[in-house]
Structures are given as structure tokens and as C-alpha cells.
Amino acid sequence: MQIQVNSDNHIESSVRLEEWVRTTVESTLERYEEDLTRVEVHISDENGDKPGPHDIRCQMEARPKGHQPISVTHKADSLDQAVDGAAVKLDHALEHLFGKLRNKRGAAPVIESDLDDEPVSADALLEEEFLEKDEALHG
């Protein structure tokens, strides 16, 4: 996965800044590393030299293999909050995309049960766990 970092004239770009942004994106999106060709990060200060709330903007665009690009934007008071917020939003958007694709391909994956070697779907295990917790809460 290639990560490209761009910033406007009001945010001084440096090797340190670019490495920090790349590390943040890589760590947040590492589970999609094989599914993405590139992530473009655009950082800007919307008010320029004037201070103001939520004036740092971070836009991230991910390019999933074989799919349309996905773009998210997050505004915050600081650069690190803007980058972290955009990375989390992009993670959620990719989770949604790949979750929909998994559901289109078919039923839930089958997991081998240790008890009787009968295959059990992941949905069935989640349902069983939910019912156990519900029973414990409501008696």
C-alpha cells in the first residue's frame, strides 16, 4: 500500500510529518494492506494564518483494488486530531465496504467446533454468545 502525503501552503511539510502521517495510516489500516493500492492524505489549514476552531482539515482517499476510491474528511483543532480522526473514519468506511462485499459473496464463514467436530457458522456463535449474555442480564 502506497501512502502519499500532501499539505497546503499553511502547513509546513517535513520528512518527520510525512513519516508520522504514514505510520498513523499504516497502523490504522494495516488489516487492509493487501486490499488497497494507495492512500492519499491531504492536510490543510482552512483559515490560513488566522486561528479558529476546527480549522485543520485532513482528507484521506483510499483506493481499494477493483473498486471506486473512498474519501473521508475530518476537521479538528490540531493536526494530530485531524489525521487520527480521518484515519478512523477511513477504517470504518473500509470496514463497511468489505463487510458488504463479504455478505454478497455468501453466508457467514464456517468454524470448526471443538466439541463435536460439527461445523458452526460464525453467526451462530455470535447469536449463542448474545443469548448467553442476555440470559445472564435478565435472568
N, C-alpha and C. Protein backbone atom coordinates (compact mmCIF):
# COMPACT_ATOMS: atom_id res chain seq x y z
N MET A 1 0.86 -1.17 0.00
CA MET A 1 0.00 0.00 0.00
C MET A 1 0.90 1.24 0.00
N GLN A 2 0.70 2.07 -0.97
CA GLN A 2 1.46 3.31 -1.09
C GLN A 2 0.69 4.42 -0.37
N ILE A 3 1.40 5.24 0.40
CA ILE A 3 0.77 6.34 1.12
C ILE A 3 1.42 7.63 0.67
N GLN A 4 0.59 8.53 0.14
CA GLN A 4 1.07 9.81 -0.37
C GLN A 4 0.52 10.92 0.52
N VAL A 5 1.41 11.80 1.01
CA VAL A 5 1.02 12.86 1.93
C VAL A 5 1.21 14.21 1.23
N ASN A 6 0.14 15.02 1.24
CA ASN A 6 0.17 16.36 0.65
C ASN A 6 -0.30 17.36 1.69
N SER A 7 0.30 18.57 1.67
CA SER A 7 -0.16 19.61 2.58
C SER A 7 -0.20 20.95 1.84
N ASP A 8 -1.04 21.85 2.34
CA ASP A 8 -1.16 23.16 1.69
C ASP A 8 -0.04 24.10 2.16
N ASN A 9 -0.07 25.32 1.69
CA ASN A 9 0.99 26.29 2.00
C ASN A 9 1.05 26.67 3.47
N HIS A 10 -0.04 26.49 4.21
CA HIS A 10 -0.10 26.93 5.60
C HIS A 10 0.40 25.86 6.57
N ILE A 11 0.60 24.65 6.09
CA ILE A 11 1.12 23.57 6.93
C ILE A 11 2.47 23.18 6.36
N GLU A 12 3.49 23.39 7.17
CA GLU A 12 4.86 23.14 6.72
C GLU A 12 5.10 21.63 6.65
N SER A 13 5.36 21.16 5.46
CA SER A 13 5.63 19.74 5.25
C SER A 13 7.07 19.44 5.65
N SER A 14 7.26 18.29 6.25
CA SER A 14 8.60 17.85 6.62
C SER A 14 8.65 16.33 6.54
N VAL A 15 9.85 15.81 6.52
CA VAL A 15 10.02 14.35 6.49
C VAL A 15 9.39 13.75 7.75
N ARG A 16 9.58 14.42 8.87
CA ARG A 16 9.03 13.93 10.14
C ARG A 16 7.51 13.89 10.10
N LEU A 17 6.88 14.94 9.58
CA LEU A 17 5.42 14.98 9.46
C LEU A 17 4.93 13.86 8.55
N GLU A 18 5.55 13.72 7.39
CA GLU A 18 5.13 12.69 6.44
C GLU A 18 5.29 11.29 7.02
N GLU A 19 6.38 11.04 7.73
CA GLU A 19 6.59 9.72 8.35
C GLU A 19 5.53 9.46 9.43
N TRP A 20 5.20 10.50 10.23
CA TRP A 20 4.20 10.33 11.27
C TRP A 20 2.83 10.02 10.65
N VAL A 21 2.47 10.75 9.59
CA VAL A 21 1.19 10.50 8.92
C VAL A 21 1.17 9.09 8.34
N ARG A 22 2.24 8.69 7.67
CA ARG A 22 2.31 7.34 7.09
C ARG A 22 2.17 6.27 8.17
N THR A 23 2.87 6.44 9.28
CA THR A 23 2.80 5.47 10.37
C THR A 23 1.38 5.39 10.93
N THR A 24 0.74 6.53 11.10
CA THR A 24 -0.64 6.56 11.61
C THR A 24 -1.58 5.82 10.66
N VAL A 25 -1.47 6.10 9.37
CA VAL A 25 -2.33 5.46 8.37
C VAL A 25 -2.05 3.96 8.31
N GLU A 26 -0.77 3.59 8.27
CA GLU A 26 -0.41 2.16 8.20
C GLU A 26 -0.94 1.39 9.40
N SER A 27 -0.76 1.95 10.60
CA SER A 27 -1.20 1.22 11.79
C SER A 27 -2.72 1.12 11.87
N THR A 28 -3.42 2.16 11.43
CA THR A 28 -4.89 2.14 11.48
C THR A 28 -5.48 1.22 10.41
N LEU A 29 -4.86 1.18 9.23
CA LEU A 29 -5.43 0.43 8.10
C LEU A 29 -4.65 -0.84 7.77
N GLU A 30 -3.82 -1.33 8.69
CA GLU A 30 -2.96 -2.46 8.36
C GLU A 30 -3.72 -3.71 7.93
N ARG A 31 -4.92 -3.91 8.43
CA ARG A 31 -5.67 -5.11 8.04
C ARG A 31 -6.14 -5.05 6.58
N TYR A 32 -6.09 -3.86 5.96
CA TYR A 32 -6.49 -3.72 4.56
C TYR A 32 -5.29 -3.57 3.62
N GLU A 33 -4.09 -3.78 4.12
CA GLU A 33 -2.87 -3.53 3.35
C GLU A 33 -2.88 -4.26 2.00
N GLU A 34 -3.35 -5.47 1.97
CA GLU A 34 -3.38 -6.26 0.73
C GLU A 34 -4.52 -5.84 -0.20
N ASP A 35 -5.51 -5.13 0.34
CA ASP A 35 -6.69 -4.76 -0.44
C ASP A 35 -6.62 -3.35 -1.03
N LEU A 36 -5.62 -2.57 -0.62
CA LEU A 36 -5.52 -1.18 -1.06
C LEU A 36 -4.26 -0.98 -1.91
N THR A 37 -4.41 -0.19 -2.97
CA THR A 37 -3.24 0.14 -3.77
C THR A 37 -2.57 1.41 -3.26
N ARG A 38 -3.39 2.39 -2.85
CA ARG A 38 -2.83 3.67 -2.45
C ARG A 38 -3.79 4.39 -1.50
N VAL A 39 -3.21 5.19 -0.61
CA VAL A 39 -3.98 6.10 0.24
C VAL A 39 -3.35 7.47 0.06
N GLU A 40 -4.17 8.44 -0.31
CA GLU A 40 -3.71 9.82 -0.44
C GLU A 40 -4.22 10.62 0.74
N VAL A 41 -3.32 11.38 1.36
CA VAL A 41 -3.66 12.19 2.52
C VAL A 41 -3.44 13.65 2.15
N HIS A 42 -4.46 14.47 2.35
CA HIS A 42 -4.37 15.91 2.07
C HIS A 42 -4.65 16.65 3.37
N ILE A 43 -3.65 17.43 3.82
CA ILE A 43 -3.78 18.18 5.07
C ILE A 43 -3.80 19.66 4.73
N SER A 44 -4.76 20.38 5.33
CA SER A 44 -4.83 21.82 5.05
C SER A 44 -5.30 22.58 6.29
N ASP A 45 -4.92 23.85 6.32
CA ASP A 45 -5.38 24.77 7.34
C ASP A 45 -6.38 25.69 6.65
N GLU A 46 -7.66 25.50 6.92
CA GLU A 46 -8.71 26.20 6.18
C GLU A 46 -8.75 27.70 6.44
N ASN A 47 -8.26 28.15 7.59
CA ASN A 47 -8.27 29.58 7.89
C ASN A 47 -6.93 30.24 7.64
N GLY A 48 -5.98 29.51 7.12
CA GLY A 48 -4.67 30.09 6.87
C GLY A 48 -3.99 30.47 8.16
N ASP A 49 -3.50 31.68 8.24
CA ASP A 49 -2.77 32.15 9.41
C ASP A 49 -3.68 32.54 10.57
N LYS A 50 -4.99 32.66 10.32
CA LYS A 50 -5.92 33.06 11.37
C LYS A 50 -6.28 31.84 12.23
N PRO A 51 -6.26 32.00 13.54
CA PRO A 51 -6.66 30.87 14.40
C PRO A 51 -8.17 30.70 14.37
N GLY A 52 -8.60 29.50 14.65
CA GLY A 52 -10.03 29.24 14.71
C GLY A 52 -10.29 27.79 15.04
N PRO A 53 -11.49 27.50 15.56
CA PRO A 53 -11.82 26.11 15.91
C PRO A 53 -12.01 25.26 14.66
N HIS A 54 -11.59 24.05 14.76
CA HIS A 54 -11.77 23.06 13.69
C HIS A 54 -11.29 23.58 12.34
N ASP A 55 -10.14 24.21 12.32
CA ASP A 55 -9.67 24.76 11.05
C ASP A 55 -8.63 23.88 10.37
N ILE A 56 -8.19 22.80 11.03
CA ILE A 56 -7.27 21.85 10.39
C ILE A 56 -8.11 20.75 9.77
N ARG A 57 -7.92 20.55 8.48
CA ARG A 57 -8.73 19.58 7.72
C ARG A 57 -7.81 18.49 7.17
N CYS A 58 -8.23 17.25 7.34
CA CYS A 58 -7.50 16.12 6.78
C CYS A 58 -8.46 15.30 5.93
N GLN A 59 -8.13 15.18 4.67
CA GLN A 59 -8.92 14.34 3.77
C GLN A 59 -8.07 13.13 3.40
N MET A 60 -8.65 11.95 3.46
CA MET A 60 -7.96 10.73 3.07
C MET A 60 -8.79 10.03 2.00
N GLU A 61 -8.11 9.58 0.97
CA GLU A 61 -8.76 8.85 -0.10
C GLU A 61 -8.04 7.52 -0.27
N ALA A 62 -8.78 6.43 -0.06
CA ALA A 62 -8.24 5.09 -0.23
C ALA A 62 -8.68 4.53 -1.56
N ARG A 63 -7.79 3.79 -2.18
CA ARG A 63 -8.10 3.17 -3.47
C ARG A 63 -8.09 1.65 -3.32
N PRO A 64 -9.25 1.07 -3.04
CA PRO A 64 -9.34 -0.39 -2.93
C PRO A 64 -9.18 -1.03 -4.32
N LYS A 65 -8.47 -2.13 -4.37
CA LYS A 65 -8.25 -2.84 -5.63
C LYS A 65 -9.59 -3.24 -6.24
N GLY A 66 -9.82 -2.82 -7.48
CA GLY A 66 -11.02 -3.20 -8.20
C GLY A 66 -12.29 -2.46 -7.81
N HIS A 67 -12.15 -1.39 -7.03
CA HIS A 67 -13.33 -0.64 -6.58
C HIS A 67 -13.08 0.85 -6.70
N GLN A 68 -14.16 1.62 -6.60
CA GLN A 68 -14.07 3.08 -6.65
C GLN A 68 -13.34 3.59 -5.39
N PRO A 69 -12.65 4.72 -5.51
CA PRO A 69 -11.98 5.29 -4.33
C PRO A 69 -12.99 5.66 -3.25
N ILE A 70 -12.53 5.63 -2.00
CA ILE A 70 -13.35 6.02 -0.86
C ILE A 70 -12.66 7.22 -0.21
N SER A 71 -13.41 8.29 0.01
CA SER A 71 -12.84 9.51 0.56
C SER A 71 -13.56 9.90 1.84
N VAL A 72 -12.78 10.32 2.84
CA VAL A 72 -13.34 10.82 4.10
C VAL A 72 -12.62 12.11 4.47
N THR A 73 -13.27 12.92 5.27
CA THR A 73 -12.68 14.18 5.73
C THR A 73 -12.96 14.34 7.21
N HIS A 74 -11.96 14.86 7.93
CA HIS A 74 -12.14 15.14 9.35
C HIS A 74 -11.51 16.49 9.65
N LYS A 75 -12.26 17.35 10.37
CA LYS A 75 -11.76 18.67 10.78
C LYS A 75 -11.57 18.65 12.30
N ALA A 76 -10.48 19.30 12.74
CA ALA A 76 -10.19 19.33 14.16
C ALA A 76 -9.38 20.57 14.51
N ASP A 77 -9.13 20.74 15.81
CA ASP A 77 -8.36 21.87 16.28
C ASP A 77 -6.85 21.68 16.06
N SER A 78 -6.41 20.43 15.99
CA SER A 78 -4.98 20.17 15.85
C SER A 78 -4.73 19.20 14.70
N LEU A 79 -3.50 19.21 14.25
CA LEU A 79 -3.10 18.35 13.14
C LEU A 79 -3.23 16.87 13.51
N ASP A 80 -2.77 16.50 14.70
CA ASP A 80 -2.84 15.08 15.08
C ASP A 80 -4.28 14.60 15.23
N GLN A 81 -5.16 15.47 15.76
CA GLN A 81 -6.57 15.09 15.88
C GLN A 81 -7.22 14.93 14.51
N ALA A 82 -6.85 15.80 13.58
CA ALA A 82 -7.43 15.73 12.23
C ALA A 82 -6.99 14.46 11.51
N VAL A 83 -5.70 14.13 11.60
CA VAL A 83 -5.19 12.93 10.94
C VAL A 83 -5.75 11.67 11.59
N ASP A 84 -5.72 11.61 12.92
CA ASP A 84 -6.26 10.44 13.62
C ASP A 84 -7.74 10.26 13.31
N GLY A 85 -8.50 11.35 13.34
CA GLY A 85 -9.94 11.28 13.07
C GLY A 85 -10.24 10.79 11.66
N ALA A 86 -9.49 11.30 10.69
CA ALA A 86 -9.69 10.86 9.30
C ALA A 86 -9.32 9.39 9.13
N ALA A 87 -8.24 8.97 9.79
CA ALA A 87 -7.82 7.56 9.69
C ALA A 87 -8.90 6.64 10.26
N VAL A 88 -9.47 7.02 11.38
CA VAL A 88 -10.53 6.20 11.99
C VAL A 88 -11.77 6.17 11.08
N LYS A 89 -12.14 7.32 10.53
CA LYS A 89 -13.29 7.36 9.61
C LYS A 89 -13.04 6.47 8.39
N LEU A 90 -11.81 6.52 7.86
CA LEU A 90 -11.48 5.70 6.69
C LEU A 90 -11.53 4.22 7.04
N ASP A 91 -11.05 3.87 8.22
CA ASP A 91 -11.11 2.48 8.68
C ASP A 91 -12.56 2.00 8.73
N HIS A 92 -13.45 2.83 9.25
CA HIS A 92 -14.87 2.47 9.33
C HIS A 92 -15.48 2.34 7.92
N ALA A 93 -15.12 3.25 7.03
CA ALA A 93 -15.66 3.20 5.67
C ALA A 93 -15.19 1.93 4.95
N LEU A 94 -13.93 1.57 5.14
CA LEU A 94 -13.42 0.35 4.50
C LEU A 94 -14.04 -0.89 5.13
N GLU A 95 -14.23 -0.86 6.43
CA GLU A 95 -14.90 -1.98 7.11
C GLU A 95 -16.30 -2.17 6.54
N HIS A 96 -17.00 -1.08 6.31
CA HIS A 96 -18.35 -1.13 5.72
C HIS A 96 -18.29 -1.71 4.30
N LEU A 97 -17.37 -1.21 3.48
CA LEU A 97 -17.25 -1.69 2.10
C LEU A 97 -16.95 -3.19 2.06
N PHE A 98 -15.91 -3.61 2.78
CA PHE A 98 -15.51 -5.01 2.71
C PHE A 98 -16.52 -5.92 3.42
N GLY A 99 -17.23 -5.40 4.41
CA GLY A 99 -18.30 -6.17 5.05
C GLY A 99 -19.43 -6.43 4.08
N LYS A 100 -19.81 -5.40 3.30
CA LYS A 100 -20.85 -5.59 2.29
C LYS A 100 -20.41 -6.59 1.24
N LEU A 101 -19.15 -6.53 0.84
CA LEU A 101 -18.65 -7.46 -0.18
C LEU A 101 -18.65 -8.89 0.36
N ARG A 102 -18.28 -9.07 1.62
CA ARG A 102 -18.30 -10.42 2.22
C ARG A 102 -19.72 -10.96 2.24
N ASN A 103 -20.69 -10.10 2.60
CA ASN A 103 -22.08 -10.54 2.67
C ASN A 103 -22.63 -10.89 1.30
N LYS A 104 -22.19 -10.19 0.26
CA LYS A 104 -22.64 -10.50 -1.10
C LYS A 104 -22.12 -11.85 -1.57
N ARG A 105 -20.93 -12.21 -1.12
CA ARG A 105 -20.30 -13.45 -1.59
C ARG A 105 -20.97 -14.70 -1.03
N GLY A 106 -21.68 -14.57 0.06
CA GLY A 106 -22.34 -15.75 0.57
C GLY A 106 -22.56 -15.69 2.06
N ALA A 107 -22.84 -16.83 2.62
CA ALA A 107 -23.16 -16.94 4.03
C ALA A 107 -21.92 -16.70 4.89
N ALA A 108 -22.16 -16.67 6.17
CA ALA A 108 -21.08 -16.45 7.12
C ALA A 108 -20.07 -17.59 7.05
N PRO A 109 -18.82 -17.32 7.37
CA PRO A 109 -17.81 -18.37 7.32
C PRO A 109 -18.14 -19.46 8.33
N VAL A 110 -17.68 -20.65 8.04
CA VAL A 110 -17.93 -21.81 8.88
C VAL A 110 -16.71 -22.04 9.76
N ILE A 111 -16.95 -22.29 11.05
CA ILE A 111 -15.89 -22.51 12.02
C ILE A 111 -16.05 -23.92 12.57
N GLU A 112 -14.93 -24.62 12.68
CA GLU A 112 -14.98 -25.97 13.25
C GLU A 112 -15.20 -25.86 14.76
N SER A 113 -16.13 -26.63 15.27
CA SER A 113 -16.41 -26.64 16.70
C SER A 113 -15.51 -27.66 17.38
N ASP A 114 -14.98 -27.35 18.55
CA ASP A 114 -14.12 -28.27 19.29
C ASP A 114 -14.92 -29.38 19.95
N LEU A 115 -16.20 -29.14 20.18
CA LEU A 115 -16.99 -30.07 20.96
C LEU A 115 -17.33 -31.35 20.21
N ASP A 116 -17.89 -31.25 19.04
CA ASP A 116 -18.36 -32.44 18.34
C ASP A 116 -17.96 -32.46 16.87
N ASP A 117 -16.98 -31.64 16.49
CA ASP A 117 -16.48 -31.57 15.12
C ASP A 117 -17.54 -31.26 14.08
N GLU A 118 -18.65 -30.69 14.53
CA GLU A 118 -19.68 -30.24 13.60
C GLU A 118 -19.35 -28.81 13.19
N PRO A 119 -19.44 -28.46 11.91
CA PRO A 119 -19.19 -27.07 11.53
C PRO A 119 -20.27 -26.14 12.09
N VAL A 120 -19.85 -24.97 12.54
CA VAL A 120 -20.75 -23.99 13.12
C VAL A 120 -20.47 -22.66 12.43
N SER A 121 -21.52 -21.95 12.04
CA SER A 121 -21.30 -20.65 11.38
C SER A 121 -20.91 -19.62 12.43
N ALA A 122 -20.17 -18.62 11.99
CA ALA A 122 -19.77 -17.53 12.89
C ALA A 122 -21.00 -16.81 13.43
N ASP A 123 -22.04 -16.67 12.60
CA ASP A 123 -23.28 -16.02 13.04
C ASP A 123 -23.93 -16.80 14.18
N ALA A 124 -23.90 -18.12 14.08
CA ALA A 124 -24.49 -18.95 15.12
C ALA A 124 -23.74 -18.78 16.44
N LEU A 125 -22.42 -18.68 16.38
CA LEU A 125 -21.63 -18.47 17.59
C LEU A 125 -21.92 -17.11 18.21
N LEU A 126 -22.05 -16.08 17.38
CA LEU A 126 -22.38 -14.76 17.89
C LEU A 126 -23.77 -14.74 18.51
N GLU A 127 -24.70 -15.42 17.87
CA GLU A 127 -26.06 -15.47 18.41
C GLU A 127 -26.07 -16.19 19.75
N GLU A 128 -25.32 -17.29 19.85
CA GLU A 128 -25.25 -18.05 21.10
C GLU A 128 -24.65 -17.18 22.21
N GLU A 129 -23.59 -16.45 21.89
CA GLU A 129 -22.95 -15.56 22.87
C GLU A 129 -23.92 -14.47 23.31
N PHE A 130 -24.66 -13.89 22.35
CA PHE A 130 -25.64 -12.85 22.68
C PHE A 130 -26.72 -13.40 23.60
N LEU A 131 -27.23 -14.59 23.29
CA LEU A 131 -28.29 -15.16 24.11
C LEU A 131 -27.80 -15.48 25.52
N GLU A 132 -26.54 -15.95 25.65
CA GLU A 132 -25.98 -16.21 26.96
C GLU A 132 -25.88 -14.93 27.79
N LYS A 133 -25.40 -13.85 27.17
CA LYS A 133 -25.27 -12.58 27.89
C LYS A 133 -26.65 -12.01 28.24
N ASP A 134 -27.62 -12.15 27.33
CA ASP A 134 -28.96 -11.68 27.57
C ASP A 134 -29.59 -12.43 28.74
N GLU A 135 -29.38 -13.74 28.78
CA GLU A 135 -29.90 -14.58 29.87
C GLU A 135 -29.27 -14.17 31.20
N ALA A 136 -27.97 -13.90 31.17
CA ALA A 136 -27.28 -13.50 32.43
C ALA A 136 -27.79 -12.16 32.93
N LEU A 137 -28.09 -11.24 32.01
CA LEU A 137 -28.58 -9.92 32.41
C LEU A 137 -30.01 -9.95 32.92
N HIS A 138 -30.85 -10.70 32.22
CA HIS A 138 -32.29 -10.67 32.51
C HIS A 138 -32.80 -11.88 33.29
N GLY A 139 -31.90 -12.81 33.59
CA GLY A 139 -32.23 -13.96 34.43
C GLY A 139 -33.14 -14.86 33.80
